[in-house]
Amino acid sequence: SMLAVQPDRRRADLYLAGHPVPLRLGPPAVLLPAGQRGRALGIP
């Protein structure tokens, strides 16, 4: 799971390679949106 936070600190890009979805702390804590998911590394 990789997160790229932009210099303005207001935007970020999330990359998922077969990994559990990160969460945003609250309360309440919630899962981040995961509409774009990729396969695990090494899976053919």
PDB file of all heavy atoms in Angstrom:
ATOM      1  N   SER A   1       0.872  -1.168   0.000  1.00  0.00           N
ATOM      2  CA  SER A   1       0.000   0.000   0.000  1.00  0.00           C
ATOM      3  C   SER A   1       0.906   1.215   0.000  1.00  0.00           C
ATOM      4  O   SER A   1       1.767   1.353   0.888  1.00  0.00           O
ATOM      5  CB  SER A   1      -0.900  -0.006   1.238  1.00  0.00           C
ATOM      6  OG  SER A   1      -1.659   1.185   1.315  1.00  0.00           O
ATOM      7  N   MET A   2       0.741   2.093  -0.990  1.00  0.00           N
ATOM      8  CA  MET A   2       1.635   3.250  -1.140  1.00  0.00           C
ATOM      9  C   MET A   2       0.811   4.522  -1.263  1.00  0.00           C
ATOM     10  O   MET A   2      -0.189   4.566  -1.988  1.00  0.00           O
ATOM     11  CB  MET A   2       2.532   3.077  -2.361  1.00  0.00           C
ATOM     12  CG  MET A   2       3.551   4.206  -2.527  1.00  0.00           C
ATOM     13  SD  MET A   2       4.711   3.915  -3.894  1.00  0.00           S
ATOM     14  CE  MET A   2       3.654   4.313  -5.301  1.00  0.00           C
ATOM     15  N   LEU A   3       1.253   5.546  -0.565  1.00  0.00           N
ATOM     16  CA  LEU A   3       0.575   6.838  -0.576  1.00  0.00           C
ATOM     17  C   LEU A   3       1.557   7.902  -1.028  1.00  0.00           C
ATOM     18  O   LEU A   3       2.674   7.986  -0.511  1.00  0.00           O
ATOM     19  CB  LEU A   3       0.069   7.159   0.837  1.00  0.00           C
ATOM     20  CG  LEU A   3      -0.811   8.394   0.996  1.00  0.00           C
ATOM     21  CD1 LEU A   3      -2.191   8.142   0.390  1.00  0.00           C
ATOM     22  CD2 LEU A   3      -0.934   8.761   2.477  1.00  0.00           C
ATOM     23  N   ALA A   4       1.154   8.724  -2.004  1.00  0.00           N
ATOM     24  CA  ALA A   4       1.974   9.835  -2.485  1.00  0.00           C
ATOM     25  C   ALA A   4       1.252  11.139  -2.154  1.00  0.00           C
ATOM     26  O   ALA A   4       0.261  11.493  -2.805  1.00  0.00           O
ATOM     27  CB  ALA A   4       2.224   9.720  -3.982  1.00  0.00           C
ATOM     28  N   VAL A   5       1.712  11.829  -1.117  1.00  0.00           N
ATOM     29  CA  VAL A   5       1.092  13.076  -0.672  1.00  0.00           C
ATOM     30  C   VAL A   5       1.704  14.242  -1.448  1.00  0.00           C
ATOM     31  O   VAL A   5       2.933  14.391  -1.500  1.00  0.00           O
ATOM     32  CB  VAL A   5       1.297  13.278   0.847  1.00  0.00           C
ATOM     33  CG1 VAL A   5       0.651  14.583   1.300  1.00  0.00           C
ATOM     34  CG2 VAL A   5       0.741  12.093   1.627  1.00  0.00           C
ATOM     35  N   GLN A   6       0.854  15.044  -2.037  1.00  0.00           N
ATOM     36  CA  GLN A   6       1.321  16.155  -2.852  1.00  0.00           C
ATOM     37  C   GLN A   6       1.923  17.262  -1.983  1.00  0.00           C
ATOM     38  O   GLN A   6       1.632  17.368  -0.776  1.00  0.00           O
ATOM     39  CB  GLN A   6       0.167  16.721  -3.684  1.00  0.00           C
ATOM     40  CG  GLN A   6      -0.462  15.702  -4.623  1.00  0.00           C
ATOM     41  CD  GLN A   6       0.552  15.125  -5.585  1.00  0.00           C
ATOM     42  OE1 GLN A   6       1.325  15.865  -6.202  1.00  0.00           O
ATOM     43  NE2 GLN A   6       0.565  13.792  -5.717  1.00  0.00           N
ATOM     44  N   PRO A   7       2.763  18.129  -2.563  1.00  0.00           N
ATOM     45  CA  PRO A   7       3.410  19.197  -1.776  1.00  0.00           C
ATOM     46  C   PRO A   7       2.429  20.120  -1.072  1.00  0.00           C
ATOM     47  O   PRO A   7       2.755  20.669  -0.006  1.00  0.00           O
ATOM     48  CB  PRO A   7       4.240  19.949  -2.826  1.00  0.00           C
ATOM     49  CG  PRO A   7       4.517  18.926  -3.893  1.00  0.00           C
ATOM     50  CD  PRO A   7       3.294  18.076  -3.951  1.00  0.00           C
ATOM     51  N   ASP A   8       1.217  20.313  -1.626  1.00  0.00           N
ATOM     52  CA  ASP A   8       0.256  21.203  -0.971  1.00  0.00           C
ATOM     53  C   ASP A   8      -0.415  20.562   0.237  1.00  0.00           C
ATOM     54  O   ASP A   8      -1.155  21.223   0.966  1.00  0.00           O
ATOM     55  CB  ASP A   8      -0.801  21.685  -1.966  1.00  0.00           C
ATOM     56  CG  ASP A   8      -1.644  20.531  -2.528  1.00  0.00           C
ATOM     57  OD1 ASP A   8      -1.540  19.387  -2.020  1.00  0.00           O
ATOM     58  OD2 ASP A   8      -2.419  20.781  -3.474  1.00  0.00           O
ATOM     59  N   ARG A   9      -0.152  19.250   0.449  1.00  0.00           N
ATOM     60  CA  ARG A   9      -0.661  18.480   1.582  1.00  0.00           C
ATOM     61  C   ARG A   9      -2.186  18.342   1.581  1.00  0.00           C
ATOM     62  O   ARG A   9      -2.764  17.860   2.557  1.00  0.00           O
ATOM     63  CB  ARG A   9      -0.220  19.093   2.921  1.00  0.00           C
ATOM     64  CG  ARG A   9       1.282  19.272   3.057  1.00  0.00           C
ATOM     65  CD  ARG A   9       1.997  17.950   3.179  1.00  0.00           C
ATOM     66  NE  ARG A   9       3.418  18.118   3.423  1.00  0.00           N
ATOM     67  CZ  ARG A   9       4.380  17.913   2.534  1.00  0.00           C
ATOM     68  NH1 ARG A   9       4.061  17.531   1.298  1.00  0.00           N
ATOM     69  NH2 ARG A   9       5.654  18.078   2.845  1.00  0.00           N
ATOM     70  N   ARG A  10      -2.845  18.751   0.534  1.00  0.00           N
ATOM     71  CA  ARG A  10      -4.303  18.643   0.452  1.00  0.00           C
ATOM     72  C   ARG A  10      -4.758  17.499  -0.435  1.00  0.00           C
ATOM     73  O   ARG A  10      -5.929  17.136  -0.423  1.00  0.00           O
ATOM     74  CB  ARG A  10      -4.907  19.952  -0.072  1.00  0.00           C
ATOM     75  CG  ARG A  10      -4.715  21.123   0.875  1.00  0.00           C
ATOM     76  CD  ARG A  10      -5.165  22.431   0.223  1.00  0.00           C
ATOM     77  NE  ARG A  10      -5.006  23.569   1.129  1.00  0.00           N
ATOM     78  CZ  ARG A  10      -5.959  24.005   1.945  1.00  0.00           C
ATOM     79  NH1 ARG A  10      -7.135  23.412   1.963  1.00  0.00           N
ATOM     80  NH2 ARG A  10      -5.734  25.041   2.730  1.00  0.00           N
ATOM     81  N   ARG A  11      -3.858  16.970  -1.200  1.00  0.00           N
ATOM     82  CA  ARG A  11      -4.193  15.885  -2.123  1.00  0.00           C
ATOM     83  C   ARG A  11      -3.163  14.771  -1.993  1.00  0.00           C
ATOM     84  O   ARG A  11      -2.012  15.007  -1.608  1.00  0.00           O
ATOM     85  CB  ARG A  11      -4.216  16.397  -3.565  1.00  0.00           C
ATOM     86  CG  ARG A  11      -5.290  17.423  -3.866  1.00  0.00           C
ATOM     87  CD  ARG A  11      -5.095  18.050  -5.231  1.00  0.00           C
ATOM     88  NE  ARG A  11      -3.828  18.811  -5.279  1.00  0.00           N
ATOM     89  CZ  ARG A  11      -2.912  18.669  -6.212  1.00  0.00           C
ATOM     90  NH1 ARG A  11      -3.084  17.793  -7.199  1.00  0.00           N
ATOM     91  NH2 ARG A  11      -1.811  19.409  -6.196  1.00  0.00           N
ATOM     92  N   ALA A  12      -3.594  13.560  -2.331  1.00  0.00           N
ATOM     93  CA  ALA A  12      -2.687  12.417  -2.313  1.00  0.00           C
ATOM     94  C   ALA A  12      -3.181  11.386  -3.319  1.00  0.00           C
ATOM     95  O   ALA A  12      -4.362  11.350  -3.686  1.00  0.00           O
ATOM     96  CB  ALA A  12      -2.597  11.802  -0.926  1.00  0.00           C
ATOM     97  N   ASP A  13      -2.267  10.559  -3.765  1.00  0.00           N
ATOM     98  CA  ASP A  13      -2.609   9.433  -4.635  1.00  0.00           C
ATOM     99  C   ASP A  13      -2.346   8.142  -3.872  1.00  0.00           C
ATOM    100  O   ASP A  13      -1.273   7.964  -3.273  1.00  0.00           O
ATOM    101  CB  ASP A  13      -1.772   9.459  -5.918  1.00  0.00           C
ATOM    102  CG  ASP A  13      -2.165  10.598  -6.842  1.00  0.00           C
ATOM    103  OD1 ASP A  13      -3.367  10.931  -6.875  1.00  0.00           O
ATOM    104  OD2 ASP A  13      -1.275  11.162  -7.509  1.00  0.00           O
ATOM    105  N   LEU A  14      -3.312   7.246  -3.911  1.00  0.00           N
ATOM    106  CA  LEU A  14      -3.210   5.963  -3.223  1.00  0.00           C
ATOM    107  C   LEU A  14      -3.029   4.852  -4.244  1.00  0.00           C
ATOM    108  O   LEU A  14      -3.775   4.752  -5.217  1.00  0.00           O
ATOM    109  CB  LEU A  14      -4.468   5.704  -2.393  1.00  0.00           C
ATOM    110  CG  LEU A  14      -4.574   4.337  -1.711  1.00  0.00           C
ATOM    111  CD1 LEU A  14      -3.475   4.157  -0.672  1.00  0.00           C
ATOM    112  CD2 LEU A  14      -5.963   4.177  -1.076  1.00  0.00           C
ATOM    113  N   TYR A  15      -2.024   4.001  -4.008  1.00  0.00           N
ATOM    114  CA  TYR A  15      -1.745   2.857  -4.870  1.00  0.00           C
ATOM    115  C   TYR A  15      -1.871   1.584  -4.026  1.00  0.00           C
ATOM    116  O   TYR A  15      -1.215   1.444  -2.993  1.00  0.00           O
ATOM    117  CB  TYR A  15      -0.334   2.932  -5.453  1.00  0.00           C
ATOM    118  CG  TYR A  15      -0.062   4.179  -6.273  1.00  0.00           C
ATOM    119  CD1 TYR A  15       0.296   5.380  -5.647  1.00  0.00           C
ATOM    120  CD2 TYR A  15      -0.148   4.160  -7.656  1.00  0.00           C
ATOM    121  CE1 TYR A  15       0.560   6.526  -6.390  1.00  0.00           C
ATOM    122  CE2 TYR A  15       0.115   5.300  -8.411  1.00  0.00           C
ATOM    123  CZ  TYR A  15       0.462   6.470  -7.768  1.00  0.00           C
ATOM    124  OH  TYR A  15       0.728   7.604  -8.518  1.00  0.00           O
ATOM    125  N   LEU A  16      -2.700   0.655  -4.472  1.00  0.00           N
ATOM    126  CA  LEU A  16      -2.897  -0.599  -3.751  1.00  0.00           C
ATOM    127  C   LEU A  16      -2.480  -1.765  -4.628  1.00  0.00           C
ATOM    128  O   LEU A  16      -3.009  -1.937  -5.741  1.00  0.00           O
ATOM    129  CB  LEU A  16      -4.363  -0.762  -3.341  1.00  0.00           C
ATOM    130  CG  LEU A  16      -4.899   0.239  -2.315  1.00  0.00           C
ATOM    131  CD1 LEU A  16      -6.387   0.015  -2.097  1.00  0.00           C
ATOM    132  CD2 LEU A  16      -4.132   0.122  -1.004  1.00  0.00           C
ATOM    133  N   ALA A  17      -1.558  -2.557  -4.130  1.00  0.00           N
ATOM    134  CA  ALA A  17      -1.117  -3.767  -4.834  1.00  0.00           C
ATOM    135  C   ALA A  17      -1.512  -4.976  -3.987  1.00  0.00           C
ATOM    136  O   ALA A  17      -0.706  -5.519  -3.235  1.00  0.00           O
ATOM    137  CB  ALA A  17       0.400  -3.731  -5.058  1.00  0.00           C
ATOM    138  N   GLY A  18      -2.800  -5.335  -4.065  1.00  0.00           N
ATOM    139  CA  GLY A  18      -3.296  -6.492  -3.336  1.00  0.00           C
ATOM    140  C   GLY A  18      -3.270  -6.333  -1.833  1.00  0.00           C
ATOM    141  O   GLY A  18      -3.289  -7.322  -1.102  1.00  0.00           O
ATOM    142  N   HIS A  19      -3.229  -5.093  -1.343  1.00  0.00           N
ATOM    143  CA  HIS A  19      -3.013  -4.833   0.084  1.00  0.00           C
ATOM    144  C   HIS A  19      -4.282  -4.291   0.724  1.00  0.00           C
ATOM    145  O   HIS A  19      -5.111  -3.664   0.052  1.00  0.00           O
ATOM    146  CB  HIS A  19      -1.876  -3.822   0.245  1.00  0.00           C
ATOM    147  CG  HIS A  19      -1.239  -3.840   1.586  1.00  0.00           C
ATOM    148  ND1 HIS A  19      -0.227  -4.707   1.914  1.00  0.00           N
ATOM    149  CD2 HIS A  19      -1.489  -3.107   2.704  1.00  0.00           C
ATOM    150  CE1 HIS A  19       0.135  -4.504   3.164  1.00  0.00           C
ATOM    151  NE2 HIS A  19      -0.618  -3.532   3.668  1.00  0.00           N
ATOM    152  N   PRO A  20      -4.467  -4.492   2.048  1.00  0.00           N
ATOM    153  CA  PRO A  20      -5.618  -3.912   2.735  1.00  0.00           C
ATOM    154  C   PRO A  20      -5.693  -2.397   2.565  1.00  0.00           C
ATOM    155  O   PRO A  20      -4.677  -1.709   2.531  1.00  0.00           O
ATOM    156  CB  PRO A  20      -5.379  -4.296   4.210  1.00  0.00           C
ATOM    157  CG  PRO A  20      -4.538  -5.524   4.148  1.00  0.00           C
ATOM    158  CD  PRO A  20      -3.659  -5.348   2.953  1.00  0.00           C
ATOM    159  N   VAL A  21      -6.922  -1.878   2.507  1.00  0.00           N
ATOM    160  CA  VAL A  21      -7.151  -0.456   2.271  1.00  0.00           C
ATOM    161  C   VAL A  21      -6.785   0.345   3.523  1.00  0.00           C
ATOM    162  O   VAL A  21      -7.199  -0.011   4.634  1.00  0.00           O
ATOM    163  CB  VAL A  21      -8.630  -0.213   1.918  1.00  0.00           C
ATOM    164  CG1 VAL A  21      -8.883   1.270   1.654  1.00  0.00           C
ATOM    165  CG2 VAL A  21      -9.023  -1.050   0.702  1.00  0.00           C
ATOM    166  N   PRO A  22      -6.005   1.425   3.382  1.00  0.00           N
ATOM    167  CA  PRO A  22      -5.705   2.278   4.540  1.00  0.00           C
ATOM    168  C   PRO A  22      -6.972   2.925   5.084  1.00  0.00           C
ATOM    169  O   PRO A  22      -8.042   2.872   4.460  1.00  0.00           O
ATOM    170  CB  PRO A  22      -4.741   3.319   3.973  1.00  0.00           C
ATOM    171  CG  PRO A  22      -4.215   2.717   2.717  1.00  0.00           C
ATOM    172  CD  PRO A  22      -5.315   1.873   2.170  1.00  0.00           C
ATOM    173  N   LEU A  23      -6.850   3.547   6.225  1.00  0.00           N
ATOM    174  CA  LEU A  23      -8.013   4.209   6.812  1.00  0.00           C
ATOM    175  C   LEU A  23      -7.673   5.636   7.203  1.00  0.00           C
ATOM    176  O   LEU A  23      -6.510   6.004   7.383  1.00  0.00           O
ATOM    177  CB  LEU A  23      -8.539   3.414   8.006  1.00  0.00           C
ATOM    178  CG  LEU A  23      -7.582   3.096   9.161  1.00  0.00           C
ATOM    179  CD1 LEU A  23      -7.591   4.226  10.192  1.00  0.00           C
ATOM    180  CD2 LEU A  23      -7.971   1.789   9.819  1.00  0.00           C
ATOM    181  N   ARG A  24      -8.736   6.432   7.305  1.00  0.00           N
ATOM    182  CA  ARG A  24      -8.603   7.828   7.729  1.00  0.00           C
ATOM    183  C   ARG A  24      -9.101   7.926   9.160  1.00  0.00           C
ATOM    184  O   ARG A  24     -10.218   7.492   9.486  1.00  0.00           O
ATOM    185  CB  ARG A  24      -9.401   8.741   6.816  1.00  0.00           C
ATOM    186  CG  ARG A  24      -9.292  10.225   7.180  1.00  0.00           C
ATOM    187  CD  ARG A  24      -9.811  11.103   6.072  1.00  0.00           C
ATOM    188  NE  ARG A  24      -9.639  12.520   6.411  1.00  0.00           N
ATOM    189  CZ  ARG A  24      -9.685  13.504   5.511  1.00  0.00           C
ATOM    190  NH1 ARG A  24      -9.883  13.217   4.236  1.00  0.00           N
ATOM    191  NH2 ARG A  24      -9.520  14.759   5.895  1.00  0.00           N
ATOM    192  N   LEU A  25      -8.255   8.489  10.025  1.00  0.00           N
ATOM    193  CA  LEU A  25      -8.614   8.593  11.426  1.00  0.00           C
ATOM    194  C   LEU A  25      -9.677   9.652  11.619  1.00  0.00           C
ATOM    195  O   LEU A  25      -9.717  10.676  10.915  1.00  0.00           O
ATOM    196  CB  LEU A  25      -7.392   8.931  12.279  1.00  0.00           C
ATOM    197  CG  LEU A  25      -6.500   7.758  12.701  1.00  0.00           C
ATOM    198  CD1 LEU A  25      -5.854   7.085  11.497  1.00  0.00           C
ATOM    199  CD2 LEU A  25      -5.437   8.211  13.688  1.00  0.00           C
ATOM    200  N   GLY A  26     -10.528   9.433  12.600  1.00  0.00           N
ATOM    201  CA  GLY A  26     -11.577  10.368  12.954  1.00  0.00           C
ATOM    202  C   GLY A  26     -11.342  10.952  14.340  1.00  0.00           C
ATOM    203  O   GLY A  26     -10.302  11.572  14.548  1.00  0.00           O
ATOM    204  N   PRO A  27     -12.224  10.675  15.266  1.00  0.00           N
ATOM    205  CA  PRO A  27     -13.307   9.691  15.086  1.00  0.00           C
ATOM    206  C   PRO A  27     -14.503  10.258  14.335  1.00  0.00           C
ATOM    207  O   PRO A  27     -14.725  11.460  14.398  1.00  0.00           O
ATOM    208  CB  PRO A  27     -13.671   9.341  16.518  1.00  0.00           C
ATOM    209  CG  PRO A  27     -13.298  10.540  17.334  1.00  0.00           C
ATOM    210  CD  PRO A  27     -12.141  11.175  16.641  1.00  0.00           C
ATOM    211  N   PRO A  28     -15.220   9.379  13.629  1.00  0.00           N
ATOM    212  CA  PRO A  28     -14.926   7.943  13.523  1.00  0.00           C
ATOM    213  C   PRO A  28     -13.915   7.677  12.419  1.00  0.00           C
ATOM    214  O   PRO A  28     -13.863   8.391  11.416  1.00  0.00           O
ATOM    215  CB  PRO A  28     -16.286   7.335  13.170  1.00  0.00           C
ATOM    216  CG  PRO A  28     -16.943   8.407  12.351  1.00  0.00           C
ATOM    217  CD  PRO A  28     -16.502   9.723  12.954  1.00  0.00           C
ATOM    218  N   ALA A  29     -13.105   6.644  12.610  1.00  0.00           N
ATOM    219  CA  ALA A  29     -12.176   6.214  11.568  1.00  0.00           C
ATOM    220  C   ALA A  29     -12.968   5.539  10.451  1.00  0.00           C
ATOM    221  O   ALA A  29     -13.949   4.833  10.712  1.00  0.00           O
ATOM    222  CB  ALA A  29     -11.150   5.245  12.140  1.00  0.00           C
ATOM    223  N   VAL A  30     -12.545   5.779   9.223  1.00  0.00           N
ATOM    224  CA  VAL A  30     -13.230   5.196   8.067  1.00  0.00           C
ATOM    225  C   VAL A  30     -12.186   4.686   7.083  1.00  0.00           C
ATOM    226  O   VAL A  30     -11.053   5.181   7.037  1.00  0.00           O
ATOM    227  CB  VAL A  30     -14.148   6.220   7.356  1.00  0.00           C
ATOM    228  CG1 VAL A  30     -15.288   6.664   8.271  1.00  0.00           C
ATOM    229  CG2 VAL A  30     -13.331   7.428   6.889  1.00  0.00           C
ATOM    230  N   LEU A  31     -12.557   3.690   6.303  1.00  0.00           N
ATOM    231  CA  LEU A  31     -11.679   3.200   5.251  1.00  0.00           C
ATOM    232  C   LEU A  31     -11.633   4.205   4.110  1.00  0.00           C
ATOM    233  O   LEU A  31     -12.642   4.848   3.777  1.00  0.00           O
ATOM    234  CB  LEU A  31     -12.171   1.855   4.729  1.00  0.00           C
ATOM    235  CG  LEU A  31     -12.127   0.687   5.720  1.00  0.00           C
ATOM    236  CD1 LEU A  31     -12.809  -0.549   5.101  1.00  0.00           C
ATOM    237  CD2 LEU A  31     -10.695   0.353   6.096  1.00  0.00           C
ATOM    238  N   LEU A  32     -10.465   4.362   3.513  1.00  0.00           N
ATOM    239  CA  LEU A  32     -10.343   5.226   2.347  1.00  0.00           C
ATOM    240  C   LEU A  32     -11.044   4.586   1.153  1.00  0.00           C
ATOM    241  O   LEU A  32     -11.192   3.355   1.082  1.00  0.00           O
ATOM    242  CB  LEU A  32      -8.864   5.446   2.013  1.00  0.00           C
ATOM    243  CG  LEU A  32      -8.067   6.285   3.013  1.00  0.00           C
ATOM    244  CD1 LEU A  32      -6.590   6.313   2.620  1.00  0.00           C
ATOM    245  CD2 LEU A  32      -8.622   7.712   3.084  1.00  0.00           C
ATOM    246  N   PRO A  33     -11.479   5.381   0.198  1.00  0.00           N
ATOM    247  CA  PRO A  33     -12.071   4.801  -1.007  1.00  0.00           C
ATOM    248  C   PRO A  33     -11.046   3.970  -1.760  1.00  0.00           C
ATOM    249  O   PRO A  33      -9.864   4.306  -1.799  1.00  0.00           O
ATOM    250  CB  PRO A  33     -12.508   6.034  -1.812  1.00  0.00           C
ATOM    251  CG  PRO A  33     -11.664   7.160  -1.292  1.00  0.00           C
ATOM    252  CD  PRO A  33     -11.438   6.855   0.151  1.00  0.00           C
ATOM    253  N   ALA A  34     -11.498   2.861  -2.305  1.00  0.00           N
ATOM    254  CA  ALA A  34     -10.577   1.946  -2.982  1.00  0.00           C
ATOM    255  C   ALA A  34     -11.151   1.508  -4.322  1.00  0.00           C
ATOM    256  O   ALA A  34     -11.195   0.308  -4.643  1.00  0.00           O
ATOM    257  CB  ALA A  34     -10.284   0.731  -2.096  1.00  0.00           C
ATOM    258  N   GLY A  35     -11.599   2.484  -5.105  1.00  0.00           N
ATOM    259  CA  GLY A  35     -12.136   2.138  -6.410  1.00  0.00           C
ATOM    260  C   GLY A  35     -11.081   1.662  -7.381  1.00  0.00           C
ATOM    261  O   GLY A  35     -11.360   0.933  -8.333  1.00  0.00           O
ATOM    262  N   GLN A  36      -9.827   2.097  -7.163  1.00  0.00           N
ATOM    263  CA  GLN A  36      -8.721   1.702  -8.034  1.00  0.00           C
ATOM    264  C   GLN A  36      -7.797   0.755  -7.265  1.00  0.00           C
ATOM    265  O   GLN A  36      -7.057   1.174  -6.386  1.00  0.00           O
ATOM    266  CB  GLN A  36      -7.934   2.935  -8.501  1.00  0.00           C
ATOM    267  CG  GLN A  36      -8.767   3.979  -9.224  1.00  0.00           C
ATOM    268  CD  GLN A  36      -9.227   3.484 -10.583  1.00  0.00           C
ATOM    269  OE1 GLN A  36      -8.600   2.632 -11.201  1.00  0.00           O
ATOM    270  NE2 GLN A  36     -10.352   4.017 -11.041  1.00  0.00           N
ATOM    271  N   ARG A  37      -7.862  -0.519  -7.577  1.00  0.00           N
ATOM    272  CA  ARG A  37      -7.033  -1.508  -6.895  1.00  0.00           C
ATOM    273  C   ARG A  37      -6.211  -2.275  -7.927  1.00  0.00           C
ATOM    274  O   ARG A  37      -6.681  -2.560  -9.031  1.00  0.00           O
ATOM    275  CB  ARG A  37      -7.880  -2.500  -6.091  1.00  0.00           C
ATOM    276  CG  ARG A  37      -8.642  -1.859  -4.953  1.00  0.00           C
ATOM    277  CD  ARG A  37      -9.469  -2.900  -4.209  1.00  0.00           C
ATOM    278  NE  ARG A  37      -8.628  -3.904  -3.575  1.00  0.00           N
ATOM    279  CZ  ARG A  37      -8.187  -3.819  -2.333  1.00  0.00           C
ATOM    280  NH1 ARG A  37      -8.505  -2.778  -1.587  1.00  0.00           N
ATOM    281  NH2 ARG A  37      -7.442  -4.760  -1.816  1.00  0.00           N
ATOM    282  N   GLY A  38      -5.002  -2.611  -7.547  1.00  0.00           N
ATOM    283  CA  GLY A  38      -4.139  -3.392  -8.428  1.00  0.00           C
ATOM    284  C   GLY A  38      -3.803  -4.732  -7.795  1.00  0.00           C
ATOM    285  O   GLY A  38      -4.059  -4.976  -6.615  1.00  0.00           O
ATOM    286  N   ARG A  39      -3.233  -5.594  -8.590  1.00  0.00           N
ATOM    287  CA  ARG A  39      -2.877  -6.939  -8.125  1.00  0.00           C
ATOM    288  C   ARG A  39      -1.632  -6.889  -7.240  1.00  0.00           C
ATOM    289  O   ARG A  39      -0.874  -5.918  -7.244  1.00  0.00           O
ATOM    290  CB  ARG A  39      -2.605  -7.844  -9.323  1.00  0.00           C
ATOM    291  CG  ARG A  39      -1.486  -7.329 -10.209  1.00  0.00           C
ATOM    292  CD  ARG A  39      -1.195  -8.243 -11.379  1.00  0.00           C
ATOM    293  NE  ARG A  39      -0.240  -7.639 -12.298  1.00  0.00           N
ATOM    294  CZ  ARG A  39       1.063  -7.639 -12.123  1.00  0.00           C
ATOM    295  NH1 ARG A  39       1.584  -8.199 -11.030  1.00  0.00           N
ATOM    296  NH2 ARG A  39       1.867  -7.079 -13.000  1.00  0.00           N
ATOM    297  N   ALA A  40      -1.413  -7.963  -6.485  1.00  0.00           N
ATOM    298  CA  ALA A  40      -0.193  -8.078  -5.689  1.00  0.00           C
ATOM    299  C   ALA A  40       1.014  -8.182  -6.604  1.00  0.00           C
ATOM    300  O   ALA A  40       0.922  -8.708  -7.731  1.00  0.00           O
ATOM    301  CB  ALA A  40      -0.273  -9.302  -4.782  1.00  0.00           C
ATOM    302  N   LEU A  41       2.149  -7.710  -6.152  1.00  0.00           N
ATOM    303  CA  LEU A  41       3.376  -7.797  -6.939  1.00  0.00           C
ATOM    304  C   LEU A  41       3.815  -9.254  -7.027  1.00  0.00           C
ATOM    305  O   LEU A  41       3.816  -9.980  -6.033  1.00  0.00           O
ATOM    306  CB  LEU A  41       4.493  -6.975  -6.286  1.00  0.00           C
ATOM    307  CG  LEU A  41       4.210  -5.495  -6.004  1.00  0.00           C
ATOM    308  CD1 LEU A  41       5.456  -4.833  -5.429  1.00  0.00           C
ATOM    309  CD2 LEU A  41       3.725  -4.782  -7.233  1.00  0.00           C
ATOM    310  N   GLY A  42       4.186  -9.663  -8.231  1.00  0.00           N
ATOM    311  CA  GLY A  42       4.664 -11.028  -8.414  1.00  0.00           C
ATOM    312  C   GLY A  42       3.610 -11.998  -8.861  1.00  0.00           C
ATOM    313  O   GLY A  42       3.921 -13.168  -9.122  1.00  0.00           O
ATOM    314  N   ILE A  43       2.352 -11.578  -8.939  1.00  0.00           N
ATOM    315  CA  ILE A  43       1.277 -12.448  -9.417  1.00  0.00           C
ATOM    316  C   ILE A  43       1.231 -12.356 -10.945  1.00  0.00           C
ATOM    317  O   ILE A  43       1.087 -11.268 -11.504  1.00  0.00           O
ATOM    318  CB  ILE A  43      -0.078 -12.033  -8.835  1.00  0.00           C
ATOM    319  CG1 ILE A  43      -0.042 -12.118  -7.305  1.00  0.00           C
ATOM    320  CG2 ILE A  43      -1.199 -12.893  -9.398  1.00  0.00           C
ATOM    321  CD1 ILE A  43       0.129 -13.513  -6.772  1.00  0.00           C
ATOM    322  N   PRO A  44       1.360 -13.473 -11.647  1.00  0.00           N
ATOM    323  CA  PRO A  44       1.455 -13.438 -13.117  1.00  0.00           C
ATOM    324  C   PRO A  44       0.110 -13.276 -13.820  1.00  0.00           C
ATOM    325  O   PRO A  44      -0.360 -14.157 -14.536  1.00  0.00           O
ATOM    326  CB  PRO A  44       2.102 -14.789 -13.441  1.00  0.00           C
ATOM    327  CG  PRO A  44       1.618 -15.698 -12.362  1.00  0.00           C
ATOM    328  CD  PRO A  44       1.538 -14.848 -11.117  1.00  0.00           C
TER     329      PRO A  44
END
